[in-house]
C-alpha atoms as a PDB file:
ATOM      1  CA  MET A   1       0.202   0.183  -0.238  1.00  0.00           C
ATOM      2  CA  CYS A   2       2.769   2.307   0.748  1.00  0.00           C
ATOM      3  CA  ALA A   3       4.386   1.687  -2.556  1.00  0.00           C
ATOM      4  CA  ARG A   4       1.265   2.679  -4.732  1.00  0.00           C
ATOM      5  CA  TRP A   5      -0.021   5.705  -2.181  1.00  0.00           C
ATOM      6  CA  THR A   6       3.672   7.077  -3.253  1.00  0.00           C
ATOM      7  CA  ARG A   7       3.170   6.521  -6.952  1.00  0.00           C
ATOM      8  CA  VAL A   8      -0.448   8.360  -6.576  1.00  0.00           C
ATOM      9  CA  ARG A   9       1.405  11.483  -4.567  1.00  0.00           C
ATOM     10  CA  GLU A  10       4.220  11.630  -7.086  1.00  0.00           C
ATOM     11  CA  VAL A  11       1.441  11.994  -9.880  1.00  0.00           C
ATOM     12  CA  ARG A  12      -0.404  14.224  -7.944  1.00  0.00           C
ATOM     13  CA  ARG A  13       2.752  16.321  -7.366  1.00  0.00           C
ATOM     14  CA  ARG A  14       3.781  16.646 -11.205  1.00  0.00           C
ATOM     15  CA  LEU A  15       0.609  17.295 -12.034  1.00  0.00           C
ATOM     16  CA  ALA A  16      -0.122  20.645  -9.281  1.00  0.00           C
ATOM     17  CA  HIS A  17       3.730  21.911 -10.102  1.00  0.00           C
ATOM     18  CA  GLU A  18       4.558  20.996 -13.647  1.00  0.00           C
ATOM     19  CA  GLY A  19       0.779  20.661 -15.297  1.00  0.00           C
ATOM     20  CA  PRO A  20      -0.196  18.120 -17.667  1.00  0.00           C
ATOM     21  CA  ALA A  21       1.429  17.035 -20.774  1.00  0.00           C
ATOM     22  CA  TRP A  22      -1.152  17.859 -22.610  1.00  0.00           C
ATOM     23  CA  THR A  23      -3.816  20.833 -22.826  1.00  0.00           C
ATOM     24  CA  ARG A  24      -6.645  22.357 -24.627  1.00  0.00           C
ATOM     25  CA  ASP A  25      -5.673  25.019 -26.709  1.00  0.00           C
ATOM     26  CA  ARG A  26      -7.105  27.850 -24.887  1.00  0.00           C
ATOM     27  CA  GLU A  27      -5.005  30.226 -22.435  1.00  0.00           C
ATOM     28  CA  ALA A  28      -3.969  29.211 -19.140  1.00  0.00           C
ATOM     29  CA  ASP A  29      -6.829  26.377 -19.523  1.00  0.00           C
ATOM     30  CA  PHE A  30      -5.809  23.988 -17.002  1.00  0.00           C
ATOM     31  CA  GLU A  31      -5.009  26.406 -14.333  1.00  0.00           C
ATOM     32  CA  THR A  32      -8.612  28.056 -15.209  1.00  0.00           C
ATOM     33  CA  VAL A  33     -10.500  24.614 -14.829  1.00  0.00           C
ATOM     34  CA  THR A  34      -8.265  22.513 -12.655  1.00  0.00           C
ATOM     35  CA  VAL A  35      -9.740  22.212  -8.795  1.00  0.00           C
ATOM     36  CA  PRO A  36      -6.536  23.671  -6.979  1.00  0.00           C
ATOM     37  CA  GLU A  37      -4.014  21.487  -4.906  1.00  0.00           C
ATOM     38  CA  ARG A  38      -5.383  22.863  -1.711  1.00  0.00           C
ATOM     39  CA  GLU A  39      -9.069  21.806  -2.288  1.00  0.00           C
ATOM     40  CA  CYS A  40      -7.511  18.694  -3.516  1.00  0.00           C
ATOM     41  CA  ASP A  41      -6.021  17.910  -0.299  1.00  0.00           C
ATOM     42  CA  GLN A  42      -8.818  19.028   1.697  1.00  0.00           C
ATOM     43  CA  LEU A  43     -10.856  16.698  -0.408  1.00  0.00           C
ATOM     44  CA  ARG A  44      -8.652  13.858   0.367  1.00  0.00           C
ATOM     45  CA  ASP A  45      -8.552  14.593   3.683  1.00  0.00           C
ATOM     46  CA  LEU A  46     -12.405  14.748   4.071  1.00  0.00           C
ATOM     47  CA  LEU A  47     -13.190  11.287   2.044  1.00  0.00           C
ATOM     48  CA  ILE A  48      -9.987   9.879   4.486  1.00  0.00           C
ATOM     49  CA  SER A  49     -12.007  11.558   7.892  1.00  0.00           C
ATOM     50  CA  GLU A  50     -15.122   9.520   6.380  1.00  0.00           C
ATOM     51  CA  GLY A  51     -13.468   6.323   5.662  1.00  0.00           C
ATOM     52  CA  ALA A  52     -15.068   6.720   2.343  1.00  0.00           C
ATOM     53  CA  GLN A  53     -14.953   3.235   0.037  1.00  0.00           C
ATOM     54  CA  THR A  54     -17.156   3.819  -2.882  1.00  0.00           C
ATOM     55  CA  VAL A  55     -17.261   7.599  -4.421  1.00  0.00           C
ATOM     56  CA  VAL A  56     -18.964   9.170  -7.310  1.00  0.00           C
ATOM     57  CA  GLU A  57     -17.049  11.852  -9.367  1.00  0.00           C
ATOM     58  CA  ILE A  58     -18.822  13.868 -11.905  1.00  0.00           C
ATOM     59  CA  GLY A  59     -16.375  15.470 -14.254  1.00  0.00           C
ATOM     60  CA  LEU A  60     -12.943  14.374 -14.896  1.00  0.00           C
ATOM     61  CA  ALA A  61     -11.089  16.806 -17.186  1.00  0.00           C
ATOM     62  CA  TYR A  62      -7.355  17.065 -15.704  1.00  0.00           C
ATOM     63  CA  ALA A  63      -7.652  14.749 -13.111  1.00  0.00           C
ATOM     64  CA  SER A  64      -6.518  16.462 -10.128  1.00  0.00           C
ATOM     65  CA  SER A  65      -9.629  15.762  -8.117  1.00  0.00           C
ATOM     66  CA  ALA A  66      -9.750  12.376  -9.745  1.00  0.00           C
ATOM     67  CA  LEU A  67      -5.946  11.797  -8.133  1.00  0.00           C
ATOM     68  CA  ALA A  68      -6.665  13.189  -4.773  1.00  0.00           C
ATOM     69  CA  ILE A  69      -9.836  10.736  -4.754  1.00  0.00           C
ATOM     70  CA  GLY A  70      -7.780   7.867  -5.415  1.00  0.00           C
ATOM     71  CA  GLU A  71      -5.159   8.870  -2.785  1.00  0.00           C
ATOM     72  CA  ALA A  72      -7.730   8.583  -0.255  1.00  0.00           C
ATOM     73  CA  LEU A  73      -9.578   5.355  -1.390  1.00  0.00           C
ATOM     74  CA  VAL A  74      -5.908   4.241  -1.058  1.00  0.00           C
ATOM     75  CA  THR A  75      -4.928   5.822   1.877  1.00  0.00           C
ATOM     76  CA  VAL A  76      -8.571   4.003   3.576  1.00  0.00           C
ATOM     77  CA  ASN A  77      -7.544   1.013   1.909  1.00  0.00           C
ATOM     78  CA  PRO A  78     -10.792  -1.302   1.892  1.00  0.00           C
ATOM     79  CA  PRO A  79     -11.010  -4.679   0.773  1.00  0.00           C
ATOM     80  CA  HIS A  80     -13.186  -2.933  -2.827  1.00  0.00           C
ATOM     81  CA  PRO A  81     -12.509   0.379  -3.070  1.00  0.00           C
ATOM     82  CA  ARG A  82     -14.608   1.919  -6.415  1.00  0.00           C
ATOM     83  CA  HIS A  83     -14.284   4.988  -8.020  1.00  0.00           C
ATOM     84  CA  ILE A  84     -16.874   5.984 -10.767  1.00  0.00           C
ATOM     85  CA  ILE A  85     -16.115   8.495 -12.722  1.00  0.00           C
ATOM     86  CA  ILE A  86     -18.476  10.748 -15.640  1.00  0.00           C
ATOM     87  CA  ASP A  87     -17.353  12.806 -18.188  1.00  0.00           C
ATOM     88  CA  PRO A  88     -19.015  12.607 -21.753  1.00  0.00           C
ATOM     89  CA  PHE A  89     -15.978  14.866 -23.185  1.00  0.00           C
ATOM     90  CA  GLN A  90     -12.709  13.429 -21.697  1.00  0.00           C
ATOM     91  CA  GLU A  91     -12.479  11.193 -24.990  1.00  0.00           C
ATOM     92  CA  ARG A  92     -13.304  13.975 -27.488  1.00  0.00           C
ATOM     93  CA  ASP A  93     -12.645  17.346 -25.593  1.00  0.00           C
ATOM     94  CA  TRP A  94      -9.787  16.921 -23.255  1.00  0.00           C
ATOM     95  CA  SER A  95      -7.837  13.505 -25.347  1.00  0.00           C
ATOM     96  CA  ASN A  96      -8.242  11.499 -22.153  1.00  0.00           C
ATOM     97  CA  ALA A  97      -5.346  13.281 -20.651  1.00  0.00           C
ATOM     98  CA  GLY A  98      -7.429  13.102 -16.811  1.00  0.00           C
ATOM     99  CA  TRP A  99      -7.721   9.131 -17.150  1.00  0.00           C
ATOM    100  CA  ASP A 100      -4.214   9.102 -18.730  1.00  0.00           C
ATOM    101  CA  LEU A 101      -3.228  10.337 -15.673  1.00  0.00           C
ATOM    102  CA  LEU A 102      -4.852   7.989 -12.836  1.00  0.00           C
ATOM    103  CA  ARG A 103      -3.543   5.406 -15.158  1.00  0.00           C
ATOM    104  CA  SER A 104      -0.309   6.469 -14.742  1.00  0.00           C
ATOM    105  CA  ALA A 105      -1.042   6.534 -11.335  1.00  0.00           C
ATOM    106  CA  GLY A 106      -1.988   3.005 -11.039  1.00  0.00           C
ATOM    107  CA  LEU A 107      -5.568   4.214 -10.231  1.00  0.00           C
ATOM    108  CA  ASP A 108      -7.534   2.532 -13.096  1.00  0.00           C
ATOM    109  CA  SER A 109      -7.321  -0.774 -10.995  1.00  0.00           C
ATOM    110  CA  ILE A 110      -9.917   0.718  -9.086  1.00  0.00           C
ATOM    111  CA  ALA A 111     -11.876   3.872 -10.822  1.00  0.00           C
ATOM    112  CA  SER A 112     -14.362   3.490 -13.946  1.00  0.00           C
ATOM    113  CA  LEU A 113     -14.588   5.998 -16.465  1.00  0.00           C
ATOM    114  CA  MET A 114     -18.508   6.407 -17.803  1.00  0.00           C
ATOM    115  CA  LEU A 115     -18.431   8.216 -21.587  1.00  0.00           C
ATOM    116  CA  ALA A 116     -22.103   9.681 -20.863  1.00  0.00           C
ATOM    117  CA  PRO A 117     -23.656  12.259 -19.435  1.00  0.00           C
ATOM    118  CA  SER A 118     -24.558  12.534 -15.845  1.00  0.00           C
ATOM    119  CA  SER A 119     -28.112  12.548 -16.629  1.00  0.00           C
ATOM    120  CA  ILE A 120     -27.820   9.173 -18.418  1.00  0.00           C
ATOM    121  CA  ALA A 121     -25.131   7.454 -15.977  1.00  0.00           C
ATOM    122  CA  LEU A 122     -26.462   8.057 -12.728  1.00  0.00           C
ATOM    123  CA  PRO A 123     -29.780   6.985 -13.544  1.00  0.00           C
ATOM    124  CA  GLN A 124     -27.936   3.564 -14.824  1.00  0.00           C
ATOM    125  CA  LEU A 125     -26.252   3.776 -11.683  1.00  0.00           C
ATOM    126  CA  LEU A 126     -29.353   3.640  -9.648  1.00  0.00           C
ATOM    127  CA  THR A 127     -30.679   0.838 -11.637  1.00  0.00           C
ATOM    128  CA  GLU A 128     -27.263  -0.903 -10.994  1.00  0.00           C
ATOM    129  CA  GLY A 129     -28.106  -0.975  -7.170  1.00  0.00           C
ATOM    130  CA  LEU A 130     -24.438   1.658  -6.407  1.00  0.00           C
ATOM    131  CA  ARG A 131     -24.345   2.560  -2.716  1.00  0.00           C
ATOM    132  CA  ALA A 132     -21.780   5.385  -2.516  1.00  0.00           C
ATOM    133  CA  ASP A 133     -19.950   6.760   0.689  1.00  0.00           C
ATOM    134  CA  ALA A 134     -19.877  10.140  -1.289  1.00  0.00           C
ATOM    135  CA  ALA A 135     -19.893  12.251  -4.254  1.00  0.00           C
ATOM    136  CA  PHE A 136     -17.794  15.188  -5.589  1.00  0.00           C
ATOM    137  CA  VAL A 137     -19.761  17.189  -7.997  1.00  0.00           C
ATOM    138  CA  ASP A 138     -17.847  19.179 -10.678  1.00  0.00           C
ATOM    139  CA  GLY A 139     -19.736  18.931 -14.524  1.00  0.00           C
ATOM    140  CA  SER A 140     -22.325  21.074 -15.970  1.00  0.00           C
ATOM    141  CA  HIS A 141     -22.343  23.960 -13.711  1.00  0.00           C
ATOM    142  CA  ARG A 142     -26.281  24.623 -15.562  1.00  0.00           C
ATOM    143  CA  PHE A 143     -28.722  24.965 -13.434  1.00  0.00           C
ATOM    144  CA  HIS A 144     -30.639  22.569 -14.188  1.00  0.00           C
ATOM    145  CA  GLU A 145     -28.545  19.958 -14.703  1.00  0.00           C
ATOM    146  CA  VAL A 146     -26.691  20.439 -11.522  1.00  0.00           C
ATOM    147  CA  PHE A 147     -30.283  19.578  -9.847  1.00  0.00           C
ATOM    148  CA  VAL A 148     -30.578  16.751 -11.841  1.00  0.00           C
ATOM    149  CA  ASP A 149     -27.426  15.430 -10.395  1.00  0.00           C
ATOM    150  CA  LEU A 150     -28.317  15.927  -7.084  1.00  0.00           C
ATOM    151  CA  TYR A 151     -31.888  14.477  -7.465  1.00  0.00           C
ATOM    152  CA  PHE A 152     -29.976  11.138  -8.634  1.00  0.00           C
ATOM    153  CA  LEU A 153     -26.924  11.312  -6.409  1.00  0.00           C
ATOM    154  CA  ARG A 154     -29.145  11.690  -3.303  1.00  0.00           C
ATOM    155  CA  LYS A 155     -30.388   8.355  -3.924  1.00  0.00           C
ATOM    156  CA  ILE A 156     -27.110   6.929  -4.770  1.00  0.00           C
ATOM    157  CA  VAL A 157     -25.132   8.184  -1.972  1.00  0.00           C
ATOM    158  CA  ARG A 158     -26.123   6.555   1.402  1.00  0.00           C
ATOM    159  CA  PRO A 159     -28.199   8.153   4.447  1.00  0.00           C
ATOM    160  CA  GLY A 160     -25.444  10.283   6.326  1.00  0.00           C
ATOM    161  CA  GLY A 161     -23.196  10.354   3.637  1.00  0.00           C
ATOM    162  CA  LEU A 162     -21.426  13.352   1.876  1.00  0.00           C
ATOM    163  CA  ILE A 163     -21.745  15.148  -1.656  1.00  0.00           C
ATOM    164  CA  VAL A 164     -19.139  18.016  -2.272  1.00  0.00           C
ATOM    165  CA  ILE A 165     -19.917  20.389  -4.395  1.00  0.00           C
ATOM    166  CA  ASP A 166     -17.529  22.516  -6.673  1.00  0.00           C
ATOM    167  CA  ASP A 167     -17.229  26.297  -7.626  1.00  0.00           C
ATOM    168  CA  ASP A 168     -20.438  27.092  -5.205  1.00  0.00           C
ATOM    169  CA  TRP A 169     -19.369  30.648  -6.177  1.00  0.00           C
ATOM    170  CA  ALA A 170     -21.332  30.226  -9.271  1.00  0.00           C
ATOM    171  CA  PRO A 171     -25.048  31.381  -8.559  1.00  0.00           C
ATOM    172  CA  SER A 172     -26.271  28.453 -10.652  1.00  0.00           C
ATOM    173  CA  VAL A 173     -24.586  25.838  -8.499  1.00  0.00           C
ATOM    174  CA  ARG A 174     -25.338  27.171  -5.762  1.00  0.00           C
ATOM    175  CA  THR A 175     -28.883  27.995  -6.278  1.00  0.00           C
ATOM    176  CA  ALA A 176     -29.632  24.365  -7.490  1.00  0.00           C
ATOM    177  CA  VAL A 177     -27.586  23.226  -3.997  1.00  0.00           C
ATOM    178  CA  ARG A 178     -29.961  25.594  -2.179  1.00  0.00           C
ATOM    179  CA  TYR A 179     -33.087  23.543  -2.505  1.00  0.00           C
ATOM    180  CA  TYR A 180     -31.689  20.374  -1.034  1.00  0.00           C
ATOM    181  CA  GLU A 181     -30.639  22.641   2.090  1.00  0.00           C
ATOM    182  CA  ARG A 182     -33.998  24.061   2.652  1.00  0.00           C
ATOM    183  CA  ASN A 183     -36.267  21.280   1.523  1.00  0.00           C
ATOM    184  CA  LEU A 184     -34.137  18.157   2.152  1.00  0.00           C
ATOM    185  CA  GLY A 185     -32.525  18.499   5.289  1.00  0.00           C
ATOM    186  CA  TRP A 186     -28.778  18.678   3.636  1.00  0.00           C
ATOM    187  CA  THR A 187     -26.551  19.938   5.927  1.00  0.00           C
ATOM    188  CA  VAL A 188     -23.505  22.219   5.471  1.00  0.00           C
ATOM    189  CA  ILE A 189     -19.830  20.487   7.098  1.00  0.00           C
ATOM    190  CA  PRO A 190     -18.276  23.604   8.743  1.00  0.00           C
ATOM    191  CA  ASP A 191     -14.823  24.367   7.767  1.00  0.00           C
ATOM    192  CA  ALA A 192     -14.723  21.479   5.860  1.00  0.00           C
ATOM    193  CA  PHE A 193     -13.191  23.603   2.927  1.00  0.00           C
ATOM    194  CA  PRO A 194     -11.109  26.566   4.465  1.00  0.00           C
ATOM    195  CA  GLY A 195      -9.270  29.094   2.750  1.00  0.00           C
ATOM    196  CA  GLU A 196      -9.586  32.013   1.025  1.00  0.00           C
ATOM    197  CA  ALA A 197     -13.014  32.795  -0.517  1.00  0.00           C
ATOM    198  CA  VAL A 198     -13.681  32.877  -3.846  1.00  0.00           C
ATOM    199  CA  THR A 199     -14.667  36.216  -5.679  1.00  0.00           C
ATOM    200  CA  THR A 200     -15.042  35.527  -9.263  1.00  0.00           C
ATOM    201  CA  ALA A 201     -16.817  37.505 -12.005  1.00  0.00           C
ATOM    202  CA  GLY A 202     -20.558  36.564 -11.369  1.00  0.00           C
ATOM    203  CA  ALA A 203     -20.077  35.003  -8.004  1.00  0.00           C
ATOM    204  CA  ALA A 204     -20.941  36.851  -4.620  1.00  0.00           C
ATOM    205  CA  SER A 205     -20.168  39.980  -4.378  1.00  0.00           C
ATOM    206  CA  PRO A 206     -16.962  41.134  -1.981  1.00  0.00           C
ATOM    207  CA  SER A 207     -19.163  41.830   1.006  1.00  0.00           C
ATOM    208  CA  GLU A 208     -20.475  37.893   0.661  1.00  0.00           C
ATOM    209  CA  PRO A 209     -17.463  36.212  -0.468  1.00  0.00           C
ATOM    210  CA  ARG A 210     -17.971  32.128  -0.797  1.00  0.00           C
ATOM    211  CA  THR A 211     -15.461  29.588  -0.714  1.00  0.00           C
ATOM    212  CA  ARG A 212     -14.752  27.258  -3.529  1.00  0.00           C
ATOM    213  CA  CYS A 213     -16.446  23.827  -1.989  1.00  0.00           C
ATOM    214  CA  LYS A 214     -18.798  23.156  -0.372  1.00  0.00           C
ATOM    215  CA  ALA A 215     -19.268  19.665   1.963  1.00  0.00           C
ATOM    216  CA  LEU A 216     -22.838  18.526   3.101  1.00  0.00           C
ATOM    217  CA  ARG A 217     -24.002  15.998   4.748  1.00  0.00           C
ATOM    218  CA  LEU A 218     -27.044  13.796   3.888  1.00  0.00           C
ATOM    219  CA  PRO A 219     -29.933  13.166   6.443  1.00  0.00           C
ATOM    220  CA  ASP A 220     -29.604   9.762   8.025  1.00  0.00           C
ATOM    221  CA  PRO A 221     -32.277   8.715   7.443  1.00  0.00           C
ATOM    222  CA  SER A 222     -33.318  10.141   4.225  1.00  0.00           C
ATOM    223  CA  PHE A 223     -36.803  11.609   3.715  1.00  0.00           C
ATOM    224  CA  GLU A 224     -38.983  12.805   1.375  1.00  0.00           C
ATOM    225  CA  PRO A 225     -41.173  16.254   2.661  1.00  0.00           C
ATOM    226  CA  PRO A 226     -44.776  15.800   1.688  1.00  0.00           C
ATOM    227  CA  PHE A 227     -45.137  18.789  -0.851  1.00  0.00           C
ATOM    228  CA  GLU A 228     -47.177  21.388   1.412  1.00  0.00           C
ATOM    229  CA  GLU A 229     -43.774  22.285   2.866  1.00  0.00           C
ATOM    230  CA  PHE A 230     -41.784  23.344   0.148  1.00  0.00           C
ATOM    231  CA  HIS A 231     -39.842  26.245   0.946  1.00  0.00           C
ATOM    232  CA  ALA A 232     -38.620  28.357  -2.020  1.00  0.00           C
ATOM    233  CA  PHE A 233     -35.157  28.454  -2.725  1.00  0.00           C
END
């Protein structure tokens, strides 16, 4: 396990400090798209503290977060770790850059890649009876697609499990999440992602800074509220 962990850490270190071998033809694309190393470390530590054994991830891109999730699973070292990644654009738009990095870290032995939209892949996983401990959501940032991702993930992630959201600064993402907080009992895990606030263009105003990632815990037991108890969000 030590050699495996060292291999993952080395690939993560090189990616964070040297960047990927290939990027899309866009200025500073890796720096713009990827989850920063600090937040990846915090994600890893959160999953380790939870003892996560099965994790669903939406969005792969350059694999910064996927490598952190893989490191967490290797550290927890359960009998049958699983990392299910959903990214319909990994081959077409990303030239398999992220998947190749996972393979170089030896994580393809525990990870699987679904090249389908999350709106198709998640119902398939639900039908197959997948039960996950946590999920990391960094796919489409359109409100309706985030909302659908969270709808299915609450049925896949076990009661009391975790759902971590990237780019919580985006109004579309934040609004989708707020429905589940106000109506379905999801609770924010305080200080899961400590650090500087994000005030990107189109995000919250400087007077209301928000950190990039947000971790939420699902209620245990899960429940379906009566329709009369709807809370506007």
